[in-house]
N, C-alpha and C. Protein backbone atom coordinates (compact mmCIF):
# COMPACT_ATOMS: atom_id res chain seq x y z
N MET A 1 103.83 94.75 109.08
CA MET A 1 103.38 96.50 109.82
C MET A 1 101.62 96.16 109.97
N SER A 2 100.91 96.10 110.25
CA SER A 2 99.61 95.85 110.76
C SER A 2 98.84 97.39 109.54
N GLU A 3 97.94 97.64 109.62
CA GLU A 3 96.63 98.76 108.23
C GLU A 3 95.88 98.73 109.06
N ILE A 4 95.38 99.84 108.56
CA ILE A 4 94.44 100.79 109.38
C ILE A 4 94.30 101.95 108.45
N LEU A 5 93.05 102.49 108.55
CA LEU A 5 91.60 103.12 107.23
C LEU A 5 92.82 104.44 108.22
N ALA A 6 92.87 105.46 107.19
CA ALA A 6 92.94 107.03 107.73
C ALA A 6 92.21 107.32 108.24
N CYS A 7 91.60 107.06 107.68
CA CYS A 7 90.01 108.14 108.80
C CYS A 7 90.32 107.23 109.80
N LYS A 8 90.45 106.52 110.08
CA LYS A 8 90.03 105.68 111.67
C LYS A 8 91.30 106.04 112.92
N LEU A 9 93.11 106.11 111.96
CA LEU A 9 93.57 106.93 112.42
C LEU A 9 93.91 108.29 112.57
N MET A 10 92.98 109.12 112.39
CA MET A 10 92.24 110.03 112.86
C MET A 10 91.92 110.06 113.56
N THR A 11 91.07 109.01 113.92
CA THR A 11 90.25 110.07 115.02
C THR A 11 91.38 109.20 116.21
N GLU A 12 91.57 108.00 116.52
CA GLU A 12 92.58 107.21 117.34
C GLU A 12 93.74 108.17 117.70
N ALA A 13 94.22 109.06 116.74
CA ALA A 13 95.21 110.24 117.36
C ALA A 13 94.97 111.26 118.02
N HIS A 14 93.54 111.64 117.52
CA HIS A 14 93.22 112.45 118.32
C HIS A 14 92.33 112.75 119.66
N GLU A 15 91.89 110.96 119.52
CA GLU A 15 91.66 110.37 121.05
C GLU A 15 93.12 110.29 121.93
N ASN A 16 93.66 109.43 121.37
CA ASN A 16 94.54 109.07 121.95
C ASN A 16 96.24 109.62 122.05
N PRO A 17 96.67 111.19 121.79
CA PRO A 17 97.79 111.84 120.91
C PRO A 17 99.17 111.23 121.42
N GLN A 18 99.22 110.60 122.36
CA GLN A 18 100.72 110.58 123.09
C GLN A 18 100.99 108.93 122.15
N LYS A 19 100.04 108.49 122.25
CA LYS A 19 99.65 106.91 121.87
C LYS A 19 100.64 106.83 120.06
N TYR A 20 100.35 108.08 119.13
CA TYR A 20 100.69 108.13 118.00
C TYR A 20 101.49 109.04 117.26
N GLU A 21 101.90 110.04 118.23
CA GLU A 21 103.22 110.99 118.43
C GLU A 21 104.07 110.28 118.04
N GLY A 22 104.43 111.58 116.11
CA GLY A 22 105.48 111.27 115.99
C GLY A 22 105.85 109.70 114.27
N LYS A 23 104.24 109.21 115.00
CA LYS A 23 105.01 108.31 113.54
C LYS A 23 104.14 108.36 112.06
N GLN A 24 105.12 107.57 111.59
CA GLN A 24 105.03 108.26 110.45
C GLN A 24 104.29 106.84 110.10
N TYR A 25 103.67 107.39 108.93
CA TYR A 25 102.72 106.24 108.04
C TYR A 25 102.62 106.47 106.43
N GLU A 26 102.55 105.18 105.80
CA GLU A 26 102.88 105.67 103.71
C GLU A 26 101.37 104.62 103.62
N VAL A 27 100.59 105.26 102.83
CA VAL A 27 99.62 104.74 101.42
C VAL A 27 99.71 102.99 101.16
N VAL A 28 99.03 102.18 101.39
CA VAL A 28 99.34 101.20 101.50
C VAL A 28 98.46 100.95 100.14
N ASP A 29 97.53 101.24 99.91
CA ASP A 29 95.98 100.45 99.42
C ASP A 29 95.00 102.15 99.37
N GLY A 30 93.87 102.05 98.19
CA GLY A 30 93.48 102.64 98.44
C GLY A 30 93.82 104.31 97.56
N SER A 31 93.20 105.50 97.43
CA SER A 31 93.23 106.45 97.54
C SER A 31 94.78 107.64 98.33
N PRO A 32 95.96 107.73 97.09
CA PRO A 32 96.87 108.59 97.87
C PRO A 32 95.75 109.76 98.63
N LEU A 33 96.85 110.11 99.39
CA LEU A 33 95.97 111.69 100.06
C LEU A 33 97.03 112.44 99.06
N TYR A 34 95.51 113.77 99.07
CA TYR A 34 95.65 114.85 98.21
C TYR A 34 96.00 116.24 98.54
N SER A 35 96.32 117.16 98.32
CA SER A 35 96.41 118.34 98.35
C SER A 35 96.99 119.18 97.63
N ALA A 36 96.23 120.26 96.92
CA ALA A 36 97.10 121.06 96.07
C ALA A 36 97.35 120.74 95.21
N GLY A 37 96.18 120.13 94.67
CA GLY A 37 96.92 119.51 93.21
C GLY A 37 97.79 118.46 92.85
N CYS A 38 97.88 117.31 94.17
CA CYS A 38 99.81 116.82 93.69
C CYS A 38 98.80 115.53 95.26
N ASP A 39 99.21 114.04 94.50
CA ASP A 39 99.02 113.33 95.48
C ASP A 39 100.41 112.72 95.84
N PHE A 40 99.89 112.59 97.46
CA PHE A 40 101.17 112.29 98.20
C PHE A 40 101.01 110.52 98.90
N THR A 41 102.33 109.58 99.72
CA THR A 41 101.62 108.55 99.62
C THR A 41 102.26 108.93 101.32
N GLU A 42 103.03 109.56 102.00
CA GLU A 42 103.60 109.88 103.37
C GLU A 42 102.82 110.60 103.69
N CYS A 43 102.84 110.48 105.61
CA CYS A 43 101.95 111.32 106.13
C CYS A 43 102.66 111.22 108.10
N LYS A 44 102.50 111.69 108.56
CA LYS A 44 102.76 111.62 110.44
C LYS A 44 101.76 112.14 110.71
N VAL A 45 101.86 111.68 111.98
CA VAL A 45 100.55 111.68 113.09
C VAL A 45 101.71 113.17 114.44
N HIS A 46 101.07 114.65 114.60
CA HIS A 46 101.75 115.67 115.28
C HIS A 46 100.81 115.85 115.56
N SER A 47 100.87 116.31 117.26
CA SER A 47 99.43 116.96 117.79
C SER A 47 97.95 116.69 117.54
N GLY A 48 98.22 115.15 117.41
CA GLY A 48 96.84 114.35 117.52
C GLY A 48 96.41 114.80 116.13
N ARG A 49 97.12 115.50 114.74
CA ARG A 49 96.42 115.49 113.19
C ARG A 49 97.45 115.02 112.47
N LEU A 50 97.01 114.34 111.70
CA LEU A 50 97.49 114.28 110.10
C LEU A 50 98.54 115.02 109.55
N GLU A 51 99.49 114.96 109.54
CA GLU A 51 100.60 116.02 108.37
C GLU A 51 101.36 115.44 107.42
N ALA A 52 101.27 115.94 105.99
CA ALA A 52 102.27 115.22 105.45
C ALA A 52 103.69 115.44 105.35
N LEU A 53 104.13 114.96 105.35
CA LEU A 53 105.73 114.37 105.86
C LEU A 53 106.45 115.94 104.89
N ASN A 54 105.93 116.54 102.96
CA ASN A 54 106.41 116.73 102.19
C ASN A 54 105.74 118.62 102.77
N ASN A 55 105.30 118.67 103.81
CA ASN A 55 104.80 120.25 104.38
C ASN A 55 104.14 120.32 103.33
N ALA A 56 102.85 119.34 102.92
CA ALA A 56 101.85 120.07 101.85
C ALA A 56 100.50 120.71 101.99
N GLY A 57 101.04 120.91 103.51
CA GLY A 57 100.01 121.72 104.55
C GLY A 57 98.30 120.79 104.53
N THR A 58 97.05 121.66 104.31
CA THR A 58 96.49 120.40 104.67
C THR A 58 95.61 119.58 103.30
N PHE A 59 95.32 118.83 103.54
CA PHE A 59 95.26 117.89 102.62
C PHE A 59 94.18 117.21 102.82
N ALA A 60 93.37 115.75 101.77
CA ALA A 60 92.53 115.53 101.55
C ALA A 60 92.44 113.99 102.06
N VAL A 61 91.79 113.00 102.82
CA VAL A 61 92.05 111.55 102.87
C VAL A 61 91.00 111.31 103.12
N TYR A 62 90.85 110.20 101.73
CA TYR A 62 89.31 109.68 101.51
C TYR A 62 89.10 107.92 102.13
N SER A 63 87.77 108.49 102.32
CA SER A 63 87.22 107.00 103.30
C SER A 63 87.93 105.32 102.49
N ASP A 64 88.50 105.55 101.51
CA ASP A 64 89.13 104.07 101.13
C ASP A 64 91.45 103.86 101.45
N THR A 65 91.96 105.13 102.47
CA THR A 65 92.87 105.60 102.25
C THR A 65 93.25 104.41 103.08
N VAL A 66 94.48 103.18 102.96
CA VAL A 66 94.96 102.18 103.70
C VAL A 66 95.96 103.18 104.29
N LEU A 67 96.41 102.93 105.37
CA LEU A 67 98.33 103.19 105.67
C LEU A 67 98.62 102.36 106.59
N SER A 68 100.00 102.34 106.56
CA SER A 68 100.74 101.29 106.93
C SER A 68 101.80 102.04 108.52
N GLU A 69 101.71 101.94 109.06
CA GLU A 69 103.25 102.34 109.63
C GLU A 69 104.41 101.88 109.34
N ILE A 70 105.00 103.34 109.06
CA ILE A 70 106.87 103.53 108.45
C ILE A 70 108.00 102.70 109.98
N PRO A 71 107.87 101.77 110.02
CA PRO A 71 109.29 101.50 110.84
C PRO A 71 110.35 102.28 111.40
N ARG A 72 110.21 102.19 111.89
CA ARG A 72 111.95 103.45 112.87
C ARG A 72 112.42 102.40 112.91
N PRO A 73 113.98 102.86 112.56
CA PRO A 73 115.62 101.64 113.09
C PRO A 73 115.79 102.49 115.05
N VAL A 74 116.02 100.84 115.03
CA VAL A 74 116.28 101.17 116.49
C VAL A 74 118.28 101.08 116.51
N PRO A 75 118.92 101.61 117.78
CA PRO A 75 119.80 101.32 117.70
C PRO A 75 120.13 100.29 118.07
N PHE A 76 121.79 99.47 117.19
CA PHE A 76 122.13 97.92 117.80
C PHE A 76 121.61 97.71 119.56
N MET A 77 121.99 98.35 120.19
CA MET A 77 122.14 97.47 121.50
C MET A 77 120.40 97.82 122.03
N ASN A 78 119.70 98.79 121.73
CA ASN A 78 118.21 98.77 121.80
C ASN A 78 118.17 97.47 120.90
N ALA A 79 118.28 97.17 119.50
CA ALA A 79 117.61 95.79 119.10
C ALA A 79 118.46 94.66 119.71
N THR A 80 119.43 94.26 120.50
CA THR A 80 119.91 93.18 121.23
C THR A 80 119.01 93.49 122.08
N LYS A 81 118.53 94.12 123.68
CA LYS A 81 117.91 93.78 124.42
C LYS A 81 117.01 93.06 123.88
N ILE A 82 116.08 93.54 122.83
CA ILE A 82 114.73 92.92 122.43
C ILE A 82 115.30 92.21 121.84
N PHE A 83 116.18 91.72 120.93
CA PHE A 83 115.93 90.38 120.78
C PHE A 83 116.28 88.79 121.79
N ILE A 84 116.92 89.69 122.92
CA ILE A 84 117.55 88.49 124.32
C ILE A 84 116.09 88.68 124.68
N SER A 85 115.17 89.74 124.76
CA SER A 85 113.77 89.74 125.70
C SER A 85 112.39 88.17 124.65
N GLY A 86 113.05 88.18 123.61
CA GLY A 86 112.15 87.05 122.82
C GLY A 86 111.79 87.97 121.81
N LYS A 87 111.92 88.93 121.09
CA LYS A 87 111.09 89.49 120.14
C LYS A 87 112.82 89.02 117.93
N THR A 88 111.83 89.69 118.05
CA THR A 88 112.59 89.17 116.43
C THR A 88 113.42 90.54 115.81
N VAL A 89 113.98 90.58 115.71
CA VAL A 89 115.13 91.82 115.19
C VAL A 89 115.11 91.52 114.23
N ILE A 90 115.35 92.92 112.74
CA ILE A 90 115.29 92.48 111.51
C ILE A 90 116.42 93.95 110.59
N CYS A 91 117.32 93.38 110.12
CA CYS A 91 118.56 94.24 109.81
C CYS A 91 119.11 94.50 108.52
N GLU A 92 118.90 96.03 108.52
CA GLU A 92 118.45 96.19 106.52
C GLU A 92 120.46 96.51 106.12
N SER A 93 120.93 96.31 105.62
CA SER A 93 122.19 96.34 105.17
C SER A 93 122.60 96.08 103.80
N LYS A 94 123.40 97.12 102.62
CA LYS A 94 124.05 97.35 101.75
C LYS A 94 124.45 95.77 101.37
N GLU A 95 125.80 95.44 102.57
CA GLU A 95 126.01 94.58 101.84
C GLU A 95 125.41 93.16 101.97
N PHE A 96 124.52 93.02 102.91
CA PHE A 96 123.72 92.10 103.27
C PHE A 96 122.53 91.87 102.63
N GLY A 97 121.41 93.09 102.55
CA GLY A 97 120.20 92.78 102.53
C GLY A 97 119.05 93.32 104.08
N LYS A 98 118.43 92.40 103.43
CA LYS A 98 117.00 92.43 104.79
C LYS A 98 117.26 90.93 105.66
N ARG A 99 117.95 90.58 106.62
CA ARG A 99 118.11 89.82 107.45
C ARG A 99 117.20 89.81 108.40
N LYS A 100 116.78 88.50 108.77
CA LYS A 100 116.22 88.36 110.57
C LYS A 100 116.29 87.38 110.84
N TYR A 101 116.80 88.05 112.39
CA TYR A 101 117.17 86.88 113.74
C TYR A 101 116.18 86.91 114.89
N THR A 102 115.44 85.25 114.96
CA THR A 102 114.58 84.89 115.75
C THR A 102 115.03 84.55 116.75
N LYS A 103 115.33 84.78 118.13
CA LYS A 103 116.09 84.03 118.97
C LYS A 103 115.00 83.11 119.18
N LYS A 104 115.90 81.63 119.29
CA LYS A 104 115.43 79.99 118.74
C LYS A 104 116.26 79.51 120.30
N THR A 105 117.27 79.63 121.26
CA THR A 105 117.56 79.11 122.41
C THR A 105 117.24 79.80 123.85
N LYS A 106 117.89 79.42 124.80
CA LYS A 106 117.36 80.46 125.94
C LYS A 106 118.76 80.78 125.86
N GLY A 107 119.93 80.52 125.40
CA GLY A 107 121.49 81.80 125.85
C GLY A 107 120.75 83.22 124.46
N ALA A 108 121.69 83.48 124.38
CA ALA A 108 121.55 85.12 123.52
C ALA A 108 122.06 84.69 122.29
N ARG A 109 122.77 84.13 121.38
CA ARG A 109 122.98 83.85 120.70
C ARG A 109 121.94 84.80 119.55
N PHE A 110 123.31 85.24 118.50
CA PHE A 110 122.31 86.30 117.95
C PHE A 110 122.83 85.76 116.07
N GLU A 111 121.59 84.92 115.49
CA GLU A 111 121.79 84.32 114.27
C GLU A 111 120.95 84.58 113.33
N GLU A 112 120.65 84.35 112.91
CA GLU A 112 119.98 84.04 111.48
C GLU A 112 119.59 82.60 112.21
N GLU A 113 117.86 81.88 111.33
CA GLU A 113 117.45 80.63 111.28
C GLU A 113 118.25 79.28 110.68
N ASP A 114 119.10 80.02 110.04
CA ASP A 114 120.00 78.95 109.52
C ASP A 114 121.11 78.24 110.02
N GLY A 115 121.88 79.87 111.20
CA GLY A 115 122.94 79.77 111.88
C GLY A 115 123.92 80.62 111.59
N ILE A 116 123.54 81.53 111.18
CA ILE A 116 124.66 82.44 109.99
C ILE A 116 124.81 83.71 111.40
N PRO A 117 125.23 83.94 112.04
CA PRO A 117 125.92 84.19 112.82
C PRO A 117 125.36 86.36 111.74
N VAL A 118 125.15 87.35 113.62
CA VAL A 118 125.28 89.03 112.53
C VAL A 118 126.34 89.15 112.53
N SER A 119 126.77 89.99 111.52
CA SER A 119 128.01 90.37 111.26
C SER A 119 128.53 91.60 111.54
N ALA A 120 129.68 91.62 111.82
CA ALA A 120 130.68 93.08 112.47
C ALA A 120 129.58 94.37 110.99
N TYR A 121 129.93 94.11 110.38
CA TYR A 121 129.25 95.21 108.85
C TYR A 121 128.05 95.43 109.70
N GLU A 122 127.13 94.76 109.90
CA GLU A 122 125.52 95.18 109.71
C GLU A 122 125.36 95.36 110.94
N ILE A 123 126.41 95.12 112.51
CA ILE A 123 126.44 95.91 113.91
C ILE A 123 126.83 97.65 113.63
N LEU A 124 128.10 98.36 112.45
CA LEU A 124 128.91 98.71 112.22
C LEU A 124 127.72 99.41 111.35
N TYR A 125 126.83 99.11 110.49
CA TYR A 125 126.26 99.78 109.18
C TYR A 125 124.57 99.36 109.29
N GLY A 126 124.48 98.61 109.69
CA GLY A 126 122.94 97.90 109.65
C GLY A 126 121.98 99.27 110.60
N LYS A 127 120.80 98.99 109.84
CA LYS A 127 119.54 99.69 110.58
C LYS A 127 118.70 98.81 110.52
N TRP A 128 118.64 98.55 112.27
CA TRP A 128 117.71 97.38 112.80
C TRP A 128 115.89 97.90 113.29
N TYR A 129 115.21 96.93 113.45
CA TYR A 129 114.02 97.16 113.49
C TYR A 129 113.51 95.86 114.21
N VAL A 130 112.13 96.05 114.68
CA VAL A 130 112.10 95.70 115.75
C VAL A 130 110.71 94.88 114.96
N GLU A 131 110.56 93.45 115.06
CA GLU A 131 108.71 92.75 114.17
C GLU A 131 107.74 93.46 115.25
N GLU A 132 107.30 93.50 114.56
CA GLU A 132 106.22 93.43 115.22
C GLU A 132 104.89 92.78 115.12
């Protein structure tokens, strides 16, 4: 995921709220977000502004705070369509951990680089993400 300074995200979210609405971010570098004597590391964009995920209310954002978007899982069928279109998808599951699937051929063989196919367990219980 790409990183962005929190102060820049605040400006961009204010100028283009539809692009950022509902996205969640975590602090990956610099100072944590600060509110009422507590530091926290996650926030979301709502109505063109940043809000704490823990409902901390108003909080301070420091000029050195770097955020990274928290990826949202997508349904398996959406991941399949995205995979067929040529993008890489990732599945996280308790059984297999984190596995990456990249389309290598003209067909739609759903397998890892080493040829291991997607498992039924991943289809049923995995969390699927699109690699940016």
